[in-house]
Protein backbone atom coordinates (compact mmCIF):
# COMPACT_ATOMS: atom_id res chain seq x y z
CA UNK A 1 97.62 66.35 -33.42
CA UNK A 2 101.25 67.27 -32.86
CA UNK A 3 103.85 67.70 -35.58
CA UNK A 4 107.10 65.78 -35.39
CA UNK A 5 110.00 67.93 -34.17
CA UNK A 6 113.13 68.72 -36.19
CA UNK A 7 111.28 69.66 -39.37
CA UNK A 8 112.62 73.17 -39.95
CA UNK A 9 112.15 74.22 -36.33
CA UNK A 10 113.72 77.65 -35.80
CA UNK A 11 115.91 77.81 -32.70
CA UNK A 12 117.39 81.08 -31.40
CA UNK A 13 120.45 80.70 -29.20
CA UNK A 14 122.78 83.06 -27.38
CA UNK A 15 124.74 85.62 -29.37
CA UNK A 16 121.94 85.87 -31.93
CA UNK A 17 122.69 82.64 -33.77
CA UNK A 18 119.68 81.04 -35.42
CA UNK A 19 119.48 77.35 -36.24
CA UNK A 20 116.94 75.93 -38.67
CA UNK A 21 116.65 72.34 -37.45
CA UNK A 22 115.69 70.05 -40.32
CA UNK A 23 117.40 66.97 -38.93
CA UNK A 24 114.40 64.65 -38.91
CA UNK A 25 114.61 63.53 -42.53
CA UNK A 26 116.01 64.51 -45.91
CA UNK A 27 115.22 64.02 -49.56
CA UNK A 28 115.90 66.22 -52.57
CA UNK A 29 112.73 68.31 -52.22
CA UNK A 30 113.13 68.87 -48.47
CA UNK A 31 116.81 69.80 -48.92
CA UNK A 32 115.89 72.38 -51.54
CA UNK A 33 113.06 73.66 -49.37
CA UNK A 34 115.40 74.11 -46.41
CA UNK A 35 117.92 75.89 -48.63
CA UNK A 36 115.13 78.16 -49.89
CA UNK A 37 114.26 79.14 -46.32
CA UNK A 38 117.93 79.74 -45.48
CA UNK A 39 118.49 81.86 -48.58
CA UNK A 40 115.83 84.37 -47.49
CA UNK A 41 117.86 85.60 -44.52
CA UNK A 42 120.10 88.67 -44.72
CA UNK A 43 122.84 87.46 -42.34
CA UNK A 44 125.63 85.01 -43.12
CA UNK A 45 123.99 81.79 -44.29
CA UNK A 46 125.56 78.43 -43.40
CA UNK A 47 124.21 75.09 -44.63
CA UNK A 48 125.26 72.07 -42.55
CA UNK A 49 124.19 69.06 -44.58
CA UNK A 50 124.38 65.33 -43.90
CA UNK A 51 123.66 62.48 -46.30
CA UNK A 52 120.27 61.84 -47.83
CA UNK A 53 119.99 58.09 -47.40
CA UNK A 54 118.20 55.24 -49.20
CA UNK A 55 118.59 56.77 -52.67
CA UNK A 56 120.14 53.73 -54.35
CA UNK A 57 121.47 54.40 -57.83
CA UNK A 58 120.33 58.05 -57.60
CA UNK A 59 122.58 58.91 -54.66
CA UNK A 60 125.32 60.69 -56.59
CA UNK A 61 123.04 62.55 -59.00
CA UNK A 62 120.70 63.86 -56.30
CA UNK A 63 123.51 64.96 -53.98
CA UNK A 64 125.21 66.77 -56.87
CA UNK A 65 121.91 68.50 -57.63
CA UNK A 66 121.83 69.81 -54.05
CA UNK A 67 125.34 71.21 -54.56
CA UNK A 68 124.32 73.06 -57.71
CA UNK A 69 121.24 74.41 -55.93
CA UNK A 70 123.35 75.78 -53.06
CA UNK A 71 125.43 77.76 -55.53
CA UNK A 72 122.32 79.17 -57.25
CA UNK A 73 120.90 80.29 -53.90
CA UNK A 74 124.11 82.08 -52.90
CA UNK A 75 124.61 80.33 -49.57
CA UNK A 76 127.72 81.72 -47.86
CA UNK A 77 129.20 78.53 -46.41
CA UNK A 78 128.64 74.80 -46.71
CA UNK A 79 129.61 72.21 -44.11
CA UNK A 80 129.07 68.59 -45.16
CA UNK A 81 129.26 65.36 -43.19
CA UNK A 82 128.92 61.81 -44.51
CA UNK A 83 129.96 59.76 -47.51
CA UNK A 84 127.32 60.90 -49.98
CA UNK A 85 127.77 64.60 -49.20
CA UNK A 86 131.19 64.32 -50.84
CA UNK A 87 129.24 64.77 -54.08
CA UNK A 88 127.71 68.01 -52.77
CA UNK A 89 131.15 69.19 -51.68
CA UNK A 90 132.61 68.28 -55.08
CA UNK A 91 129.99 70.46 -56.82
CA UNK A 92 130.54 73.48 -54.56
CA UNK A 93 134.22 73.53 -53.60
CA UNK A 94 135.26 75.79 -56.49
CA UNK A 95 132.29 78.17 -56.23
CA UNK A 96 131.73 78.78 -52.53
CA UNK A 97 133.31 78.24 -49.10
CA UNK A 98 132.86 74.50 -48.58
CA UNK A 99 134.06 71.95 -46.05
CA UNK A 100 133.63 68.20 -45.76
CA UNK A 101 133.99 66.19 -42.56
CA UNK A 102 133.74 62.49 -41.80
CA UNK A 103 132.07 62.75 -38.39
CA UNK A 104 129.58 64.86 -36.47
CA UNK A 105 132.24 65.47 -33.83
CA UNK A 106 134.47 67.14 -36.42
CA UNK A 107 131.52 69.31 -37.51
CA UNK A 108 130.84 70.31 -33.90
CA UNK A 109 134.46 71.33 -33.33
CA UNK A 110 134.56 73.28 -36.58
CA UNK A 111 131.29 75.12 -35.97
CA UNK A 112 132.22 76.06 -32.44
CA UNK A 113 135.18 77.97 -33.89
CA UNK A 114 133.52 79.22 -37.08
CA UNK A 115 130.13 80.50 -35.92
CA UNK A 116 129.73 84.25 -35.55
CA UNK A 117 127.09 86.51 -34.14
CA UNK A 118 123.96 86.75 -36.31
CA UNK A 119 124.73 83.59 -38.34
CA UNK A 120 121.81 81.60 -39.71
CA UNK A 121 122.51 77.85 -39.82
CA UNK A 122 120.45 75.23 -41.65
CA UNK A 123 121.02 71.71 -40.26
CA UNK A 124 119.57 69.15 -42.67
CA UNK A 125 120.10 65.43 -43.22
CA UNK A 126 118.55 62.01 -42.86
CA UNK A 127 117.63 61.20 -39.27
CA UNK A 128 120.02 58.25 -39.01
CA UNK A 129 122.95 60.62 -39.72
CA UNK A 130 122.28 61.99 -36.19
CA UNK A 131 122.78 65.63 -37.12
CA UNK A 132 120.46 66.45 -34.22
CA UNK A 133 123.49 65.74 -32.01
CA UNK A 134 125.25 68.68 -33.67
CA UNK A 135 122.24 70.92 -33.05
CA UNK A 136 122.22 69.96 -29.37
CA UNK A 137 125.98 70.43 -29.05
CA UNK A 138 125.85 73.92 -30.55
CA UNK A 139 122.90 74.88 -28.35
CA UNK A 140 124.82 73.79 -25.26
CA UNK A 141 128.27 75.12 -26.11
CA UNK A 142 128.07 78.22 -28.28
CA UNK A 143 126.64 80.31 -25.45
CA UNK A 144 129.96 80.10 -23.62
CA UNK A 145 131.86 81.80 -26.41
CA UNK A 146 132.96 85.40 -26.29
CA UNK A 147 132.66 87.14 -29.64
């Protein structure tokens, strides 16, 4: 028996940046669980969240609930990508450092500039949002930075 990858795998990369890769799937409980794990770290905590998909009429309410939960857990920075994460961003923008992007490429460019030594980064979203591409990009490119 072998577990599916990308379910809160912890990845350590150069310059002491840690990524919690939860890119395989996302629902309200798994988002909260990932945020719980992230909140336990002492270093700067960054949540990179993509849409939770296939929620139908509950899409807005559940994404807003994630936003409120992020604030409760005192996450330092939020980076959102996707249409539904606009609701998360809307809940957090006045209470914490929050950003919203329309594409993974924009997230990659932002993170490459924003990440600092010792950051802890949760990457979480539905698999079809392809947030794993952002994980791979950061793993390949952040090591070339000089802090």
